[in-house]
Amino acid sequence: NDPIEAAKEHYAFCSDRIDQGTRTYKVSELAAGLTKSTVWY
């Protein structure tokens, strides 16, 4: 599935996943990590 769309869903579920869990506060940073991740935090 599309990484950007997946990252949007993660942000919707938990906004802190981007707001406090990334360096750039951008959806694309989370998406880039999700492409190779097998654990979602």
PDB file of all heavy atoms in Angstrom:
ATOM      1  N   ASN A   1       0.825  -1.206   0.000  1.00  0.00           N
ATOM      2  CA  ASN A   1       0.000   0.000   0.000  1.00  0.00           C
ATOM      3  C   ASN A   1       0.864   1.264   0.000  1.00  0.00           C
ATOM      4  O   ASN A   1       2.050   1.235   0.311  1.00  0.00           O
ATOM      5  CB  ASN A   1      -0.921  -0.009   1.225  1.00  0.00           C
ATOM      6  CG  ASN A   1      -1.992  -1.067   1.117  1.00  0.00           C
ATOM      7  OD1 ASN A   1      -2.975  -0.916   0.384  1.00  0.00           O
ATOM      8  ND2 ASN A   1      -1.822  -2.179   1.840  1.00  0.00           N
ATOM      9  N   ASP A   2       0.244   2.364  -0.343  1.00  0.00           N
ATOM     10  CA  ASP A   2       0.939   3.638  -0.479  1.00  0.00           C
ATOM     11  C   ASP A   2       1.453   4.132   0.875  1.00  0.00           C
ATOM     12  O   ASP A   2       0.668   4.271   1.822  1.00  0.00           O
ATOM     13  CB  ASP A   2       0.000   4.681  -1.080  1.00  0.00           C
ATOM     14  CG  ASP A   2       0.671   6.014  -1.260  1.00  0.00           C
ATOM     15  OD1 ASP A   2       1.498   6.138  -2.193  1.00  0.00           O
ATOM     16  OD2 ASP A   2       0.400   6.933  -0.462  1.00  0.00           O
ATOM     17  N   PRO A   3       2.745   4.410   1.011  1.00  0.00           N
ATOM     18  CA  PRO A   3       3.313   4.834   2.300  1.00  0.00           C
ATOM     19  C   PRO A   3       2.734   6.143   2.831  1.00  0.00           C
ATOM     20  O   PRO A   3       2.524   6.278   4.035  1.00  0.00           O
ATOM     21  CB  PRO A   3       4.813   4.977   2.000  1.00  0.00           C
ATOM     22  CG  PRO A   3       5.054   4.112   0.817  1.00  0.00           C
ATOM     23  CD  PRO A   3       3.802   4.203  -0.005  1.00  0.00           C
ATOM     24  N   ILE A   4       2.505   7.104   1.944  1.00  0.00           N
ATOM     25  CA  ILE A   4       1.957   8.391   2.390  1.00  0.00           C
ATOM     26  C   ILE A   4       0.567   8.201   2.973  1.00  0.00           C
ATOM     27  O   ILE A   4       0.233   8.753   4.032  1.00  0.00           O
ATOM     28  CB  ILE A   4       1.929   9.417   1.239  1.00  0.00           C
ATOM     29  CG1 ILE A   4       3.357   9.831   0.848  1.00  0.00           C
ATOM     30  CG2 ILE A   4       1.114  10.645   1.641  1.00  0.00           C
ATOM     31  CD1 ILE A   4       4.093  10.616   1.913  1.00  0.00           C
ATOM     32  N   GLU A   5      -0.260   7.421   2.307  1.00  0.00           N
ATOM     33  CA  GLU A   5      -1.611   7.184   2.811  1.00  0.00           C
ATOM     34  C   GLU A   5      -1.564   6.435   4.136  1.00  0.00           C
ATOM     35  O   GLU A   5      -2.361   6.707   5.044  1.00  0.00           O
ATOM     36  CB  GLU A   5      -2.443   6.419   1.772  1.00  0.00           C
ATOM     37  CG  GLU A   5      -2.731   7.215   0.512  1.00  0.00           C
ATOM     38  CD  GLU A   5      -3.407   8.547   0.796  1.00  0.00           C
ATOM     39  OE1 GLU A   5      -4.373   8.567   1.593  1.00  0.00           O
ATOM     40  OE2 GLU A   5      -2.942   9.571   0.256  1.00  0.00           O
ATOM     41  N   ALA A   6      -0.640   5.483   4.260  1.00  0.00           N
ATOM     42  CA  ALA A   6      -0.493   4.758   5.523  1.00  0.00           C
ATOM     43  C   ALA A   6      -0.063   5.703   6.643  1.00  0.00           C
ATOM     44  O   ALA A   6      -0.577   5.633   7.770  1.00  0.00           O
ATOM     45  CB  ALA A   6       0.523   3.632   5.367  1.00  0.00           C
ATOM     46  N   ALA A   7       0.869   6.606   6.331  1.00  0.00           N
ATOM     47  CA  ALA A   7       1.340   7.556   7.339  1.00  0.00           C
ATOM     48  C   ALA A   7       0.219   8.506   7.757  1.00  0.00           C
ATOM     49  O   ALA A   7       0.128   8.892   8.927  1.00  0.00           O
ATOM     50  CB  ALA A   7       2.535   8.335   6.804  1.00  0.00           C
ATOM     51  N   LYS A   8      -0.626   8.894   6.828  1.00  0.00           N
ATOM     52  CA  LYS A   8      -1.783   9.722   7.171  1.00  0.00           C
ATOM     53  C   LYS A   8      -2.697   8.993   8.151  1.00  0.00           C
ATOM     54  O   LYS A   8      -3.226   9.586   9.090  1.00  0.00           O
ATOM     55  CB  LYS A   8      -2.565  10.093   5.908  1.00  0.00           C
ATOM     56  CG  LYS A   8      -1.896  11.106   5.005  1.00  0.00           C
ATOM     57  CD  LYS A   8      -2.771  11.382   3.785  1.00  0.00           C
ATOM     58  CE  LYS A   8      -2.151  12.396   2.862  1.00  0.00           C
ATOM     59  NZ  LYS A   8      -3.009  12.639   1.656  1.00  0.00           N
ATOM     60  N   GLU A   9      -2.875   7.691   7.919  1.00  0.00           N
ATOM     61  CA  GLU A   9      -3.715   6.896   8.822  1.00  0.00           C
ATOM     62  C   GLU A   9      -3.086   6.819  10.212  1.00  0.00           C
ATOM     63  O   GLU A   9      -3.787   6.908  11.226  1.00  0.00           O
ATOM     64  CB  GLU A   9      -3.906   5.489   8.256  1.00  0.00           C
ATOM     65  CG  GLU A   9      -4.762   5.452   6.997  1.00  0.00           C
ATOM     66  CD  GLU A   9      -4.924   4.062   6.428  1.00  0.00           C
ATOM     67  OE1 GLU A   9      -4.276   3.118   6.947  1.00  0.00           O
ATOM     68  OE2 GLU A   9      -5.693   3.899   5.478  1.00  0.00           O
ATOM     69  N   HIS A  10      -1.765   6.666  10.263  1.00  0.00           N
ATOM     70  CA  HIS A  10      -1.083   6.618  11.556  1.00  0.00           C
ATOM     71  C   HIS A  10      -1.235   7.953  12.283  1.00  0.00           C
ATOM     72  O   HIS A  10      -1.446   7.978  13.505  1.00  0.00           O
ATOM     73  CB  HIS A  10       0.399   6.293  11.351  1.00  0.00           C
ATOM     74  CG  HIS A  10       0.648   4.847  11.071  1.00  0.00           C
ATOM     75  ND1 HIS A  10       1.732   4.165  11.596  1.00  0.00           N
ATOM     76  CD2 HIS A  10      -0.034   3.945  10.327  1.00  0.00           C
ATOM     77  CE1 HIS A  10       1.700   2.901  11.191  1.00  0.00           C
ATOM     78  NE2 HIS A  10       0.636   2.761  10.398  1.00  0.00           N
ATOM     79  N   TYR A  11      -1.123   9.044  11.550  1.00  0.00           N
ATOM     80  CA  TYR A  11      -1.293  10.364  12.144  1.00  0.00           C
ATOM     81  C   TYR A  11      -2.716  10.545  12.670  1.00  0.00           C
ATOM     82  O   TYR A  11      -2.922  11.103  13.750  1.00  0.00           O
ATOM     83  CB  TYR A  11      -0.976  11.433  11.106  1.00  0.00           C
ATOM     84  CG  TYR A  11      -1.177  12.852  11.590  1.00  0.00           C
ATOM     85  CD1 TYR A  11      -0.318  13.419  12.524  1.00  0.00           C
ATOM     86  CD2 TYR A  11      -2.231  13.630  11.097  1.00  0.00           C
ATOM     87  CE1 TYR A  11      -0.490  14.729  12.965  1.00  0.00           C
ATOM     88  CE2 TYR A  11      -2.416  14.929  11.534  1.00  0.00           C
ATOM     89  CZ  TYR A  11      -1.549  15.469  12.470  1.00  0.00           C
ATOM     90  OH  TYR A  11      -1.729  16.760  12.903  1.00  0.00           O
ATOM     91  N   ALA A  12      -3.687  10.048  11.920  1.00  0.00           N
ATOM     92  CA  ALA A  12      -5.075  10.149  12.349  1.00  0.00           C
ATOM     93  C   ALA A  12      -5.307   9.354  13.629  1.00  0.00           C
ATOM     94  O   ALA A  12      -6.042   9.780  14.529  1.00  0.00           O
ATOM     95  CB  ALA A  12      -5.997   9.650  11.240  1.00  0.00           C
ATOM     96  N   PHE A  13      -4.679   8.202  13.716  1.00  0.00           N
ATOM     97  CA  PHE A  13      -4.830   7.349  14.895  1.00  0.00           C
ATOM     98  C   PHE A  13      -4.127   7.951  16.100  1.00  0.00           C
ATOM     99  O   PHE A  13      -4.630   7.894  17.227  1.00  0.00           O
ATOM    100  CB  PHE A  13      -4.239   5.972  14.577  1.00  0.00           C
ATOM    101  CG  PHE A  13      -4.494   4.924  15.626  1.00  0.00           C
ATOM    102  CD1 PHE A  13      -5.781   4.524  15.941  1.00  0.00           C
ATOM    103  CD2 PHE A  13      -3.433   4.318  16.284  1.00  0.00           C
ATOM    104  CE1 PHE A  13      -6.017   3.541  16.903  1.00  0.00           C
ATOM    105  CE2 PHE A  13      -3.653   3.328  17.234  1.00  0.00           C
ATOM    106  CZ  PHE A  13      -4.951   2.939  17.545  1.00  0.00           C
ATOM    107  N   CYS A  14      -2.971   8.572  15.858  1.00  0.00           N
ATOM    108  CA  CYS A  14      -2.163   9.132  16.944  1.00  0.00           C
ATOM    109  C   CYS A  14      -1.353  10.296  16.383  1.00  0.00           C
ATOM    110  O   CYS A  14      -0.295  10.095  15.792  1.00  0.00           O
ATOM    111  CB  CYS A  14      -1.236   8.049  17.507  1.00  0.00           C
ATOM    112  SG  CYS A  14      -0.063   8.628  18.746  1.00  0.00           S
ATOM    113  N   SER A  15      -1.848  11.513  16.571  1.00  0.00           N
ATOM    114  CA  SER A  15      -1.182  12.674  15.980  1.00  0.00           C
ATOM    115  C   SER A  15       0.229  12.873  16.532  1.00  0.00           C
ATOM    116  O   SER A  15       1.104  13.401  15.843  1.00  0.00           O
ATOM    117  CB  SER A  15      -2.019  13.944  16.210  1.00  0.00           C
ATOM    118  OG  SER A  15      -2.221  14.168  17.596  1.00  0.00           O
ATOM    119  N   ASP A  16       0.465  12.422  17.764  1.00  0.00           N
ATOM    120  CA  ASP A  16       1.809  12.555  18.335  1.00  0.00           C
ATOM    121  C   ASP A  16       2.838  11.714  17.594  1.00  0.00           C
ATOM    122  O   ASP A  16       4.045  11.940  17.751  1.00  0.00           O
ATOM    123  CB  ASP A  16       1.807  12.146  19.810  1.00  0.00           C
ATOM    124  CG  ASP A  16       1.249  13.231  20.709  1.00  0.00           C
ATOM    125  OD1 ASP A  16       1.315  14.404  20.307  1.00  0.00           O
ATOM    126  OD2 ASP A  16       0.751  12.918  21.795  1.00  0.00           O
ATOM    127  N   ARG A  17       2.365  10.753  16.797  1.00  0.00           N
ATOM    128  CA  ARG A  17       3.318   9.934  16.038  1.00  0.00           C
ATOM    129  C   ARG A  17       4.149  10.796  15.098  1.00  0.00           C
ATOM    130  O   ARG A  17       5.311  10.471  14.808  1.00  0.00           O
ATOM    131  CB  ARG A  17       2.562   8.854  15.242  1.00  0.00           C
ATOM    132  CG  ARG A  17       3.460   7.884  14.505  1.00  0.00           C
ATOM    133  CD  ARG A  17       4.350   7.139  15.475  1.00  0.00           C
ATOM    134  NE  ARG A  17       5.359   6.322  14.787  1.00  0.00           N
ATOM    135  CZ  ARG A  17       6.538   6.777  14.414  1.00  0.00           C
ATOM    136  NH1 ARG A  17       6.885   8.038  14.649  1.00  0.00           N
ATOM    137  NH2 ARG A  17       7.402   5.978  13.811  1.00  0.00           N
ATOM    138  N   ILE A  18       3.565  11.896  14.625  1.00  0.00           N
ATOM    139  CA  ILE A  18       4.306  12.850  13.798  1.00  0.00           C
ATOM    140  C   ILE A  18       4.683  14.088  14.610  1.00  0.00           C
ATOM    141  O   ILE A  18       5.819  14.553  14.563  1.00  0.00           O
ATOM    142  CB  ILE A  18       3.489  13.257  12.555  1.00  0.00           C
ATOM    143  CG1 ILE A  18       3.397  12.071  11.586  1.00  0.00           C
ATOM    144  CG2 ILE A  18       4.113  14.471  11.857  1.00  0.00           C
ATOM    145  CD1 ILE A  18       2.567  12.336  10.346  1.00  0.00           C
ATOM    146  N   ASP A  19       3.727  14.614  15.387  1.00  0.00           N
ATOM    147  CA  ASP A  19       3.956  15.873  16.097  1.00  0.00           C
ATOM    148  C   ASP A  19       5.080  15.777  17.123  1.00  0.00           C
ATOM    149  O   ASP A  19       5.756  16.774  17.405  1.00  0.00           O
ATOM    150  CB  ASP A  19       2.669  16.312  16.790  1.00  0.00           C
ATOM    151  CG  ASP A  19       1.578  16.694  15.800  1.00  0.00           C
ATOM    152  OD1 ASP A  19       1.903  16.908  14.616  1.00  0.00           O
ATOM    153  OD2 ASP A  19       0.402  16.767  16.206  1.00  0.00           O
ATOM    154  N   GLN A  20       5.277  14.595  17.713  1.00  0.00           N
ATOM    155  CA  GLN A  20       6.353  14.429  18.691  1.00  0.00           C
ATOM    156  C   GLN A  20       7.300  13.279  18.348  1.00  0.00           C
ATOM    157  O   GLN A  20       8.306  13.101  19.032  1.00  0.00           O
ATOM    158  CB  GLN A  20       5.765  14.191  20.089  1.00  0.00           C
ATOM    159  CG  GLN A  20       4.919  15.344  20.601  1.00  0.00           C
ATOM    160  CD  GLN A  20       4.697  15.285  22.100  1.00  0.00           C
ATOM    161  OE1 GLN A  20       5.649  15.230  22.874  1.00  0.00           O
ATOM    162  NE2 GLN A  20       3.439  15.300  22.506  1.00  0.00           N
ATOM    163  N   GLY A  21       6.988  12.529  17.297  1.00  0.00           N
ATOM    164  CA  GLY A  21       7.780  11.351  16.988  1.00  0.00           C
ATOM    165  C   GLY A  21       8.616  11.444  15.727  1.00  0.00           C
ATOM    166  O   GLY A  21       9.201  10.445  15.292  1.00  0.00           O
ATOM    167  N   THR A  22       8.696  12.639  15.121  1.00  0.00           N
ATOM    168  CA  THR A  22       9.529  12.827  13.936  1.00  0.00           C
ATOM    169  C   THR A  22      10.403  14.059  14.121  1.00  0.00           C
ATOM    170  O   THR A  22      10.110  14.925  14.949  1.00  0.00           O
ATOM    171  CB  THR A  22       8.678  13.002  12.657  1.00  0.00           C
ATOM    172  OG1 THR A  22       7.866  14.179  12.787  1.00  0.00           O
ATOM    173  CG2 THR A  22       7.788  11.780  12.405  1.00  0.00           C
ATOM    174  N   ARG A  23      11.441  14.143  13.329  1.00  0.00           N
ATOM    175  CA  ARG A  23      12.341  15.296  13.398  1.00  0.00           C
ATOM    176  C   ARG A  23      11.832  16.471  12.586  1.00  0.00           C
ATOM    177  O   ARG A  23      12.072  17.628  12.921  1.00  0.00           O
ATOM    178  CB  ARG A  23      13.742  14.892  12.915  1.00  0.00           C
ATOM    179  CG  ARG A  23      14.468  13.932  13.840  1.00  0.00           C
ATOM    180  CD  ARG A  23      15.802  13.500  13.272  1.00  0.00           C
ATOM    181  NE  ARG A  23      15.635  12.641  12.100  1.00  0.00           N
ATOM    182  CZ  ARG A  23      15.436  11.334  12.156  1.00  0.00           C
ATOM    183  NH1 ARG A  23      15.363  10.726  13.338  1.00  0.00           N
ATOM    184  NH2 ARG A  23      15.300  10.615  11.061  1.00  0.00           N
ATOM    185  N   THR A  24      11.132  16.178  11.472  1.00  0.00           N
ATOM    186  CA  THR A  24      10.700  17.237  10.562  1.00  0.00           C
ATOM    187  C   THR A  24       9.225  17.576  10.710  1.00  0.00           C
ATOM    188  O   THR A  24       8.754  18.534  10.108  1.00  0.00           O
ATOM    189  CB  THR A  24      10.948  16.808   9.107  1.00  0.00           C
ATOM    190  OG1 THR A  24      10.168  15.630   8.826  1.00  0.00           O
ATOM    191  CG2 THR A  24      12.425  16.503   8.879  1.00  0.00           C
ATOM    192  N   TYR A  25       8.479  16.767  11.492  1.00  0.00           N
ATOM    193  CA  TYR A  25       7.032  16.951  11.674  1.00  0.00           C
ATOM    194  C   TYR A  25       6.284  16.830  10.359  1.00  0.00           C
ATOM    195  O   TYR A  25       5.302  17.542  10.122  1.00  0.00           O
ATOM    196  CB  TYR A  25       6.724  18.301  12.347  1.00  0.00           C
ATOM    197  CG  TYR A  25       7.617  18.600  13.522  1.00  0.00           C
ATOM    198  CD1 TYR A  25       8.542  19.639  13.454  1.00  0.00           C
ATOM    199  CD2 TYR A  25       7.555  17.832  14.677  1.00  0.00           C
ATOM    200  CE1 TYR A  25       9.377  19.903  14.542  1.00  0.00           C
ATOM    201  CE2 TYR A  25       8.393  18.095  15.757  1.00  0.00           C
ATOM    202  CZ  TYR A  25       9.290  19.130  15.681  1.00  0.00           C
ATOM    203  OH  TYR A  25      10.129  19.384  16.742  1.00  0.00           O
ATOM    204  N   LYS A  26       6.750  15.927   9.509  1.00  0.00           N
ATOM    205  CA  LYS A  26       6.137  15.758   8.190  1.00  0.00           C
ATOM    206  C   LYS A  26       5.665  14.315   7.993  1.00  0.00           C
ATOM    207  O   LYS A  26       6.298  13.358   8.463  1.00  0.00           O
ATOM    208  CB  LYS A  26       7.116  16.142   7.087  1.00  0.00           C
ATOM    209  CG  LYS A  26       7.545  17.610   7.138  1.00  0.00           C
ATOM    210  CD  LYS A  26       8.443  17.954   5.978  1.00  0.00           C
ATOM    211  CE  LYS A  26       9.016  19.376   6.129  1.00  0.00           C
ATOM    212  NZ  LYS A  26       7.954  20.398   6.168  1.00  0.00           N
ATOM    213  N   VAL A  27       4.563  14.193   7.260  1.00  0.00           N
ATOM    214  CA  VAL A  27       3.998  12.880   6.954  1.00  0.00           C
ATOM    215  C   VAL A  27       5.005  12.025   6.196  1.00  0.00           C
ATOM    216  O   VAL A  27       5.146  10.817   6.443  1.00  0.00           O
ATOM    217  CB  VAL A  27       2.701  13.034   6.138  1.00  0.00           C
ATOM    218  CG1 VAL A  27       2.192  11.684   5.627  1.00  0.00           C
ATOM    219  CG2 VAL A  27       1.622  13.724   6.964  1.00  0.00           C
ATOM    220  N   SER A  28       5.736  12.634   5.277  1.00  0.00           N
ATOM    221  CA  SER A  28       6.657  11.881   4.423  1.00  0.00           C
ATOM    222  C   SER A  28       7.798  11.251   5.216  1.00  0.00           C
ATOM    223  O   SER A  28       8.313  10.195   4.829  1.00  0.00           O
ATOM    224  CB  SER A  28       7.213  12.774   3.316  1.00  0.00           C
ATOM    225  OG  SER A  28       7.769  13.959   3.856  1.00  0.00           O
ATOM    226  N   GLU A  29       8.224  11.890   6.319  1.00  0.00           N
ATOM    227  CA  GLU A  29       9.265  11.276   7.143  1.00  0.00           C
ATOM    228  C   GLU A  29       8.765   9.978   7.764  1.00  0.00           C
ATOM    229  O   GLU A  29       9.449   8.943   7.733  1.00  0.00           O
ATOM    230  CB  GLU A  29       9.735  12.228   8.242  1.00  0.00           C
ATOM    231  CG  GLU A  29      10.819  11.601   9.113  1.00  0.00           C
ATOM    232  CD  GLU A  29      11.190  12.451  10.316  1.00  0.00           C
ATOM    233  OE1 GLU A  29      11.032  13.698  10.259  1.00  0.00           O
ATOM    234  OE2 GLU A  29      11.648  11.863  11.322  1.00  0.00           O
ATOM    235  N   LEU A  30       7.552  10.024   8.325  1.00  0.00           N
ATOM    236  CA  LEU A  30       6.968   8.808   8.880  1.00  0.00           C
ATOM    237  C   LEU A  30       6.782   7.764   7.791  1.00  0.00           C
ATOM    238  O   LEU A  30       7.094   6.583   7.991  1.00  0.00           O
ATOM    239  CB  LEU A  30       5.627   9.126   9.543  1.00  0.00           C
ATOM    240  CG  LEU A  30       4.820   7.935  10.056  1.00  0.00           C
ATOM    241  CD1 LEU A  30       5.611   7.113  11.067  1.00  0.00           C
ATOM    242  CD2 LEU A  30       3.503   8.414  10.671  1.00  0.00           C
ATOM    243  N   ALA A  31       6.296   8.183   6.621  1.00  0.00           N
ATOM    244  CA  ALA A  31       6.064   7.256   5.514  1.00  0.00           C
ATOM    245  C   ALA A  31       7.355   6.558   5.100  1.00  0.00           C
ATOM    246  O   ALA A  31       7.364   5.351   4.826  1.00  0.00           O
ATOM    247  CB  ALA A  31       5.465   8.011   4.329  1.00  0.00           C
ATOM    248  N   ALA A  32       8.453   7.311   5.055  1.00  0.00           N
ATOM    249  CA  ALA A  32       9.733   6.721   4.644  1.00  0.00           C
ATOM    250  C   ALA A  32      10.162   5.616   5.602  1.00  0.00           C
ATOM    251  O   ALA A  32      10.682   4.576   5.174  1.00  0.00           O
ATOM    252  CB  ALA A  32      10.806   7.810   4.568  1.00  0.00           C
ATOM    253  N   GLY A  33       9.939   5.815   6.894  1.00  0.00           N
ATOM    254  CA  GLY A  33      10.283   4.790   7.860  1.00  0.00           C
ATOM    255  C   GLY A  33       9.363   3.583   7.789  1.00  0.00           C
ATOM    256  O   GLY A  33       9.800   2.438   7.965  1.00  0.00           O
ATOM    257  N   LEU A  34       8.098   3.827   7.517  1.00  0.00           N
ATOM    258  CA  LEU A  34       7.123   2.737   7.471  1.00  0.00           C
ATOM    259  C   LEU A  34       7.390   1.752   6.335  1.00  0.00           C
ATOM    260  O   LEU A  34       7.005   0.583   6.429  1.00  0.00           O
ATOM    261  CB  LEU A  34       5.703   3.290   7.328  1.00  0.00           C
ATOM    262  CG  LEU A  34       5.111   3.986   8.562  1.00  0.00           C
ATOM    263  CD1 LEU A  34       3.729   4.547   8.232  1.00  0.00           C
ATOM    264  CD2 LEU A  34       5.029   3.023   9.738  1.00  0.00           C
ATOM    265  N   THR A  35       8.034   2.205   5.286  1.00  0.00           N
ATOM    266  CA  THR A  35       8.263   1.325   4.141  1.00  0.00           C
ATOM    267  C   THR A  35       9.108   0.110   4.501  1.00  0.00           C
ATOM    268  O   THR A  35       9.011  -0.936   3.839  1.00  0.00           O
ATOM    269  CB  THR A  35       8.946   2.085   2.985  1.00  0.00           C
ATOM    270  OG1 THR A  35      10.204   2.600   3.442  1.00  0.00           O
ATOM    271  CG2 THR A  35       8.074   3.227   2.496  1.00  0.00           C
ATOM    272  N   LYS A  36       9.933   0.230   5.564  1.00  0.00           N
ATOM    273  CA  LYS A  36      10.796  -0.881   5.951  1.00  0.00           C
ATOM    274  C   LYS A  36      10.521  -1.369   7.375  1.00  0.00           C
ATOM    275  O   LYS A  36      11.253  -2.219   7.890  1.00  0.00           O
ATOM    276  CB  LYS A  36      12.264  -0.474   5.820  1.00  0.00           C
ATOM    277  CG  LYS A  36      12.690  -0.119   4.393  1.00  0.00           C
ATOM    278  CD  LYS A  36      14.157   0.269   4.341  1.00  0.00           C
ATOM    279  CE  LYS A  36      14.583   0.626   2.917  1.00  0.00           C
ATOM    280  NZ  LYS A  36      16.013   1.047   2.855  1.00  0.00           N
ATOM    281  N   SER A  37       9.486  -0.855   8.002  1.00  0.00           N
ATOM    282  CA  SER A  37       9.196  -1.205   9.391  1.00  0.00           C
ATOM    283  C   SER A  37       8.251  -2.401   9.488  1.00  0.00           C
ATOM    284  O   SER A  37       7.353  -2.570   8.659  1.00  0.00           O
ATOM    285  CB  SER A  37       8.557  -0.018  10.122  1.00  0.00           C
ATOM    286  OG  SER A  37       9.466   1.044  10.261  1.00  0.00           O
ATOM    287  N   THR A  38       8.462  -3.205  10.510  1.00  0.00           N
ATOM    288  CA  THR A  38       7.533  -4.294  10.822  1.00  0.00           C
ATOM    289  C   THR A  38       6.884  -4.091  12.194  1.00  0.00           C
ATOM    290  O   THR A  38       6.077  -4.908  12.620  1.00  0.00           O
ATOM    291  CB  THR A  38       8.249  -5.657  10.808  1.00  0.00           C
ATOM    292  OG1 THR A  38       9.387  -5.604  11.668  1.00  0.00           O
ATOM    293  CG2 THR A  38       8.685  -6.019   9.387  1.00  0.00           C
ATOM    294  N   VAL A  39       7.265  -3.017  12.874  1.00  0.00           N
ATOM    295  CA  VAL A  39       6.633  -2.620  14.128  1.00  0.00           C
ATOM    296  C   VAL A  39       6.092  -1.215  13.973  1.00  0.00           C
ATOM    297  O   VAL A  39       6.788  -0.326  13.456  1.00  0.00           O
ATOM    298  CB  VAL A  39       7.632  -2.682  15.308  1.00  0.00           C
ATOM    299  CG1 VAL A  39       7.047  -2.023  16.550  1.00  0.00           C
ATOM    300  CG2 VAL A  39       8.015  -4.122  15.611  1.00  0.00           C
ATOM    301  N   TRP A  40       4.855  -1.005  14.373  1.00  0.00           N
ATOM    302  CA  TRP A  40       4.240   0.323  14.353  1.00  0.00           C
ATOM    303  C   TRP A  40       4.090   0.800  15.791  1.00  0.00           C
ATOM    304  O   TRP A  40       3.490   0.116  16.626  1.00  0.00           O
ATOM    305  CB  TRP A  40       2.862   0.272  13.699  1.00  0.00           C
ATOM    306  CG  TRP A  40       2.870  -0.117  12.257  1.00  0.00           C
ATOM    307  CD1 TRP A  40       3.945  -0.289  11.439  1.00  0.00           C
ATOM    308  CD2 TRP A  40       1.721  -0.407  11.449  1.00  0.00           C
ATOM    309  NE1 TRP A  40       3.554  -0.643  10.184  1.00  0.00           N
ATOM    310  CE2 TRP A  40       2.198  -0.732  10.145  1.00  0.00           C
ATOM    311  CE3 TRP A  40       0.354  -0.411  11.686  1.00  0.00           C
ATOM    312  CZ2 TRP A  40       1.334  -1.062   9.116  1.00  0.00           C
ATOM    313  CZ3 TRP A  40      -0.502  -0.746  10.657  1.00  0.00           C
ATOM    314  CH2 TRP A  40      -0.015  -1.073   9.382  1.00  0.00           C
ATOM    315  N   TYR A  41       4.591   1.987  16.062  1.00  0.00           N
ATOM    316  CA  TYR A  41       4.638   2.517  17.426  1.00  0.00           C
ATOM    317  C   TYR A  41       3.725   3.730  17.552  1.00  0.00           C
ATOM    318  O   TYR A  41       3.759   4.633  16.714  1.00  0.00           O
ATOM    319  CB  TYR A  41       6.080   2.906  17.765  1.00  0.00           C
ATOM    320  CG  TYR A  41       6.272   3.555  19.113  1.00  0.00           C
ATOM    321  CD1 TYR A  41       6.541   2.780  20.244  1.00  0.00           C
ATOM    322  CD2 TYR A  41       6.192   4.940  19.263  1.00  0.00           C
ATOM    323  CE1 TYR A  41       6.736   3.375  21.494  1.00  0.00           C
ATOM    324  CE2 TYR A  41       6.382   5.544  20.496  1.00  0.00           C
ATOM    325  CZ  TYR A  41       6.646   4.754  21.609  1.00  0.00           C
ATOM    326  OH  TYR A  41       6.824   5.351  22.834  1.00  0.00           O
TER     327      TYR A  41
END
